[in-house]
C-alpha cells in the first residue's frame, strides 16, 4: 500500500469522525452539564386563627366559629392572632365579639374583635339597628337571679288599677327580648346574687314602648325557654290589641266572700 492511499484513508476517517460528532451534537446527545446548587431552606409554618364561617358585627366568637390554620410565618401580619403553645381556638377568643364583618377563612385580627373587659364591648355586642337600654330590677323580678346575659325574656308590666281594694293588671309589653347584661356582668355563665339593673337589646320602637311602660307601672322579666324564640312577636299579638271596649279576653272573675263577680281587666264592672 503506497503512501498516497494511506493519506486518503486517514483523511476519510477524520472526516467520518467529525461528521459523527456533528450529528450527535445536533440530536442532543451527550450528558448535560448540571450546576450544583444548595437546597433551599424549608418554609417556616405557623398557625393563625381564622373564621370558620362568615361572622357579623356583634356575633359572639366561640366553639365552631374559628379554628387554627397553617400559615407561612413570612406572611403573618403582626395583627393576626397566632397559636402559642397548645392553646385551643375557643380559648383564644373566649369572651370576645366581632367588631366588623369577617368572612370565612379570613385571619382574625385584634382590630376586628373586642373583649368583654374592653371599652366598646357593649356597642360591639349590639346587632345593627338595635339599642341598649337599662331598667331597674330586683332579684325577684329577674327570676330569682336565674336570668343571665344572652337569655331571652318577656317584659311584663304590672299596673295598679284600684287602691281600695287593691287591684292590679299585668300584661306582656315586649316579647322575646335579648338580655345584654345584668348589672355590669356580661358573662352568660356568671350568676348575679343582687341584681339592680338589666340591660336589654331593643329596637327603637321598643325603646319608646319600654319608656312609657316604666312610667306606667312596675316591670319584671319572665325567662323564656332555650329555643323558644319568635322575634316578630309583639305584645299586641300575644294578648290582642286593647281598645276602649271590653272583650271576653279582658274579663276576669273575682270571688269575694263566696260571691263571684265579673269585671273587665281595666277595672270597670
Protein backbone atom coordinates (compact mmCIF):
# COMPACT_ATOMS: atom_id res chain seq x y z
CA UNK A 1 0.00 0.00 0.00
CA UNK A 2 1.53 3.29 -1.06
CA UNK A 3 1.68 6.48 0.94
CA UNK A 4 -0.97 8.31 -1.09
CA UNK A 5 -3.58 5.66 -0.33
CA UNK A 6 -2.83 5.80 3.42
CA UNK A 7 -3.24 9.55 3.48
CA UNK A 8 -6.61 9.29 1.71
CA UNK A 9 -7.83 6.67 4.19
CA UNK A 10 -6.68 8.78 7.15
CA UNK A 11 -8.46 11.87 5.86
CA UNK A 12 -11.63 9.85 5.27
CA UNK A 13 -11.55 8.51 8.87
CA UNK A 14 -11.10 12.01 10.29
CA UNK A 15 -13.97 13.31 8.18
CA UNK A 16 -16.24 10.43 9.30
CA UNK A 17 -15.45 11.09 12.96
CA UNK A 18 -16.15 14.79 12.60
CA UNK A 19 -19.45 14.06 10.85
CA UNK A 20 -20.47 11.69 13.68
CA UNK A 21 -19.71 14.28 16.35
CA UNK A 22 -21.68 16.92 14.42
CA UNK A 23 -24.74 14.68 14.08
CA UNK A 24 -24.59 13.76 17.80
CA UNK A 25 -24.49 17.42 18.78
CA UNK A 26 -27.46 18.28 16.58
CA UNK A 27 -29.53 15.40 18.05
CA UNK A 28 -28.84 16.45 21.63
CA UNK A 29 -26.61 13.63 22.55
CA UNK A 30 -24.16 13.68 25.38
CA UNK A 31 -24.53 14.47 29.05
CA UNK A 32 -26.00 17.83 30.05
CA UNK A 33 -23.85 19.82 32.39
CA UNK A 34 -25.66 20.43 35.71
CA UNK A 35 -24.69 23.22 38.06
CA UNK A 36 -24.66 22.18 41.73
CA UNK A 37 -27.00 24.45 43.76
CA UNK A 38 -27.65 24.36 47.53
CA UNK A 39 -31.10 23.10 48.66
CA UNK A 40 -33.42 25.99 49.68
CA UNK A 41 -34.23 26.19 53.40
CA UNK A 42 -37.68 24.84 54.46
CA UNK A 43 -40.54 27.37 54.73
CA UNK A 44 -41.36 28.18 58.35
CA UNK A 45 -45.04 27.45 59.07
CA UNK A 46 -47.15 28.68 61.98
CA UNK A 47 -50.82 28.57 63.00
CA UNK A 48 -53.08 31.62 62.83
CA UNK A 49 -56.72 31.93 63.88
CA UNK A 50 -59.21 32.15 61.00
CA UNK A 51 -63.00 32.37 60.79
CA UNK A 52 -64.75 29.05 60.23
CA UNK A 53 -67.79 30.84 58.75
CA UNK A 54 -68.94 34.38 57.97
CA UNK A 55 -69.12 36.46 61.15
CA UNK A 56 -71.29 39.53 61.60
CA UNK A 57 -70.71 42.54 63.88
CA UNK A 58 -71.94 41.78 67.38
CA UNK A 59 -71.65 37.99 66.97
CA UNK A 60 -70.05 36.13 69.87
CA UNK A 61 -66.93 34.14 69.00
CA UNK A 62 -66.59 30.67 70.41
CA UNK A 63 -66.90 26.98 69.63
CA UNK A 64 -67.31 26.33 65.91
CA UNK A 65 -66.81 29.92 64.78
CA UNK A 66 -63.00 29.87 64.49
CA UNK A 67 -60.16 27.37 64.00
CA UNK A 68 -56.37 27.27 63.62
CA UNK A 69 -54.99 27.40 60.07
CA UNK A 70 -51.40 26.73 58.94
CA UNK A 71 -49.82 29.90 57.55
CA UNK A 72 -46.32 30.80 56.26
CA UNK A 73 -44.63 32.79 59.01
CA UNK A 74 -43.18 35.18 56.44
CA UNK A 75 -46.74 36.23 55.53
CA UNK A 76 -48.09 36.52 59.08
CA UNK A 77 -49.23 40.06 59.86
CA UNK A 78 -48.46 41.34 63.39
CA UNK A 79 -52.21 41.85 63.88
CA UNK A 80 -53.04 38.14 63.34
CA UNK A 81 -53.85 36.00 66.37
CA UNK A 82 -51.20 33.27 66.45
CA UNK A 83 -51.25 30.00 68.32
CA UNK A 84 -48.97 29.93 71.33
CA UNK A 85 -48.31 26.50 72.80
CA UNK A 86 -51.30 24.15 72.91
CA UNK A 87 -53.96 26.84 73.32
CA UNK A 88 -57.30 25.92 71.78
CA UNK A 89 -59.05 28.15 69.27
CA UNK A 90 -62.03 28.57 71.62
CA UNK A 91 -59.81 29.76 74.47
CA UNK A 92 -58.14 32.31 72.19
CA UNK A 93 -61.45 34.13 71.56
CA UNK A 94 -63.27 33.46 74.84
CA UNK A 95 -65.36 36.47 75.84
CA UNK A 96 -64.99 38.31 72.52
CA UNK A 97 -67.39 39.51 69.83
CA UNK A 98 -66.85 40.57 66.23
CA UNK A 99 -66.45 44.32 65.84
CA UNK A 100 -66.56 44.21 62.00
CA UNK A 101 -67.65 41.67 59.33
CA UNK A 102 -65.25 38.72 58.94
CA UNK A 103 -65.52 36.30 56.01
CA UNK A 104 -64.89 32.55 56.24
CA UNK A 105 -61.18 31.74 56.04
CA UNK A 106 -60.09 35.29 56.89
CA UNK A 107 -57.46 35.59 59.65
CA UNK A 108 -58.86 37.01 62.89
CA UNK A 109 -57.14 40.27 63.80
CA UNK A 110 -57.16 42.13 67.10
CA UNK A 111 -58.72 45.14 65.38
CA UNK A 112 -61.80 43.17 64.31
CA UNK A 113 -62.75 41.76 67.71
CA UNK A 114 -63.34 43.27 71.14
CA UNK A 115 -63.08 41.59 74.53
CA UNK A 116 -65.67 41.81 77.28
CA UNK A 117 -63.32 43.77 79.56
CA UNK A 118 -62.51 46.37 76.89
CA UNK A 119 -64.21 49.67 76.21
CA UNK A 120 -66.70 49.49 73.36
CA UNK A 121 -67.69 45.90 74.13
CA UNK A 122 -71.36 46.71 74.63
CA UNK A 123 -71.59 48.67 71.36
CA UNK A 124 -69.92 45.78 69.52
CA UNK A 125 -72.34 43.29 71.10
CA UNK A 126 -75.40 45.08 69.72
CA UNK A 127 -76.84 43.85 66.45
CA UNK A 128 -77.08 46.52 63.71
CA UNK A 129 -80.06 48.82 64.22
CA UNK A 130 -80.58 47.82 67.86
CA UNK A 131 -80.28 49.87 71.05
CA UNK A 132 -79.13 49.03 74.58
CA UNK A 133 -81.47 50.18 77.36
CA UNK A 134 -81.19 49.52 81.09
CA UNK A 135 -84.09 49.19 83.52
CA UNK A 136 -84.06 48.88 87.33
CA UNK A 137 -84.80 45.36 88.59
CA UNK A 138 -84.80 43.38 91.80
CA UNK A 139 -83.58 39.85 92.35
CA UNK A 140 -87.23 38.75 92.36
CA UNK A 141 -88.04 40.49 89.08
CA UNK A 142 -85.24 38.62 87.24
CA UNK A 143 -86.50 35.13 88.14
CA UNK A 144 -84.54 34.94 91.35
CA UNK A 145 -81.23 35.65 89.63
CA UNK A 146 -81.56 32.87 87.06
CA UNK A 147 -81.90 35.32 84.17
CA UNK A 148 -78.42 35.78 82.74
CA UNK A 149 -76.86 37.69 79.82
CA UNK A 150 -77.83 36.31 76.38
CA UNK A 151 -81.06 34.82 77.76
CA UNK A 152 -84.34 35.74 76.05
CA UNK A 153 -87.13 37.22 78.17
CA UNK A 154 -90.61 38.70 78.06
CA UNK A 155 -91.14 42.06 79.77
CA UNK A 156 -94.21 42.20 82.00
CA UNK A 157 -95.85 45.44 83.05
CA UNK A 158 -97.93 45.46 86.26
CA UNK A 159 -100.25 48.44 86.76
CA UNK A 160 -102.35 49.30 89.79
CA UNK A 161 -105.97 49.76 88.69
CA UNK A 162 -107.59 50.32 92.09
CA UNK A 163 -106.29 51.13 95.56
CA UNK A 164 -109.38 50.20 97.61
CA UNK A 165 -109.47 47.27 97.37
CA UNK A 166 -106.02 46.73 95.85
CA UNK A 167 -106.25 45.59 92.24
CA UNK A 168 -103.65 45.32 89.53
CA UNK A 169 -103.37 44.38 85.87
CA UNK A 170 -100.35 42.59 84.40
CA UNK A 171 -99.60 42.17 80.72
CA UNK A 172 -96.65 41.45 78.43
CA UNK A 173 -95.50 44.64 76.73
CA UNK A 174 -92.44 43.24 74.92
CA UNK A 175 -91.69 39.66 73.97
CA UNK A 176 -88.55 37.70 73.13
CA UNK A 177 -86.06 40.38 74.20
CA UNK A 178 -82.36 39.62 74.47
CA UNK A 179 -80.62 40.37 77.76
CA UNK A 180 -77.23 42.01 77.21
CA UNK A 181 -76.11 42.35 80.81
CA UNK A 182 -77.22 42.05 84.41
CA UNK A 183 -75.67 44.94 86.33
CA UNK A 184 -72.10 45.07 84.92
CA UNK A 185 -71.98 41.34 84.17
CA UNK A 186 -71.97 40.23 80.53
CA UNK A 187 -70.81 36.63 81.09
CA UNK A 188 -73.65 34.19 80.45
CA UNK A 189 -72.27 31.70 82.98
CA UNK A 190 -71.86 34.08 85.92
CA UNK A 191 -74.80 34.30 88.30
CA UNK A 192 -75.83 37.57 89.94
CA UNK A 193 -76.91 37.46 93.59
CA UNK A 194 -78.19 41.03 93.97
CA UNK A 195 -79.22 42.42 90.60
CA UNK A 196 -80.13 46.10 90.38
CA UNK A 197 -80.25 46.74 86.61
CA UNK A 198 -80.84 44.73 83.45
CA UNK A 199 -79.57 45.93 80.08
CA UNK A 200 -81.76 44.87 77.15
CA UNK A 201 -81.35 44.89 73.38
CA UNK A 202 -84.32 46.66 71.77
CA UNK A 203 -85.42 48.22 68.51
CA UNK A 204 -86.02 52.00 68.53
CA UNK A 205 -89.81 51.40 68.64
CA UNK A 206 -89.39 49.01 71.56
CA UNK A 207 -87.34 51.64 73.39
CA UNK A 208 -90.32 54.01 73.23
CA UNK A 209 -92.71 51.29 74.42
CA UNK A 210 -90.43 50.44 77.34
CA UNK A 211 -90.04 54.10 78.34
CA UNK A 212 -93.83 54.52 78.53
CA UNK A 213 -94.19 51.28 80.46
CA UNK A 214 -91.63 52.36 83.07
CA UNK A 215 -93.74 55.41 83.90
CA UNK A 216 -96.98 53.44 83.96
CA UNK A 217 -96.11 50.68 86.41
CA UNK A 218 -93.64 48.07 87.61
CA UNK A 219 -91.61 45.96 85.20
CA UNK A 220 -90.45 42.38 85.65
CA UNK A 221 -88.76 39.84 83.38
CA UNK A 222 -90.01 36.35 82.52
CA UNK A 223 -87.38 33.88 81.34
CA UNK A 224 -88.08 32.12 78.03
CA UNK A 225 -87.02 28.54 77.31
CA UNK A 226 -83.97 27.91 75.16
CA UNK A 227 -85.00 27.69 71.51
CA UNK A 228 -88.32 29.41 72.25
CA UNK A 229 -87.65 32.44 70.09
CA UNK A 230 -90.08 34.43 67.95
CA UNK A 231 -88.53 37.88 67.31
CA UNK A 232 -91.52 39.06 65.29
CA UNK A 233 -93.99 38.57 68.11
CA UNK A 234 -95.17 41.68 69.91
CA UNK A 235 -97.29 42.31 72.97
CA UNK A 236 -100.36 43.09 70.86
CA UNK A 237 -100.01 39.74 69.10
CA UNK A 238 -99.67 37.97 72.42
CA UNK A 239 -102.66 39.47 74.23
CA UNK A 240 -104.59 41.21 71.46
CA UNK A 241 -104.78 44.95 70.84
CA UNK A 242 -106.62 46.63 73.69
CA UNK A 243 -109.19 49.30 72.93
CA UNK A 244 -111.83 51.23 74.85
CA UNK A 245 -114.38 48.45 74.53
CA UNK A 246 -114.33 45.26 76.60
CA UNK A 247 -113.93 41.79 75.17
CA UNK A 248 -114.16 38.30 76.60
CA UNK A 249 -110.35 38.18 76.86
CA UNK A 250 -110.49 41.33 79.03
CA UNK A 251 -112.93 39.83 81.54
CA UNK A 252 -111.77 38.46 84.89
CA UNK A 253 -113.76 36.76 87.64
CA UNK A 254 -113.35 37.97 91.21
CA UNK A 255 -114.53 35.84 94.14
CA UNK A 256 -115.18 37.82 97.32
CA UNK A 257 -116.91 36.36 100.37
CA UNK A 258 -118.15 33.47 98.21
CA UNK A 259 -119.74 35.79 95.63
CA UNK A 260 -118.46 35.58 92.02
CA UNK A 261 -118.38 38.91 90.19
CA UNK A 262 -117.18 39.50 86.60
CA UNK A 263 -115.10 42.59 85.93
CA UNK A 264 -113.22 43.95 82.94
CA UNK A 265 -109.45 43.98 83.13
CA UNK A 266 -109.37 47.77 83.13
CA UNK A 267 -111.23 47.88 86.42
CA UNK A 268 -114.79 48.63 85.18
CA UNK A 269 -117.72 46.45 86.25
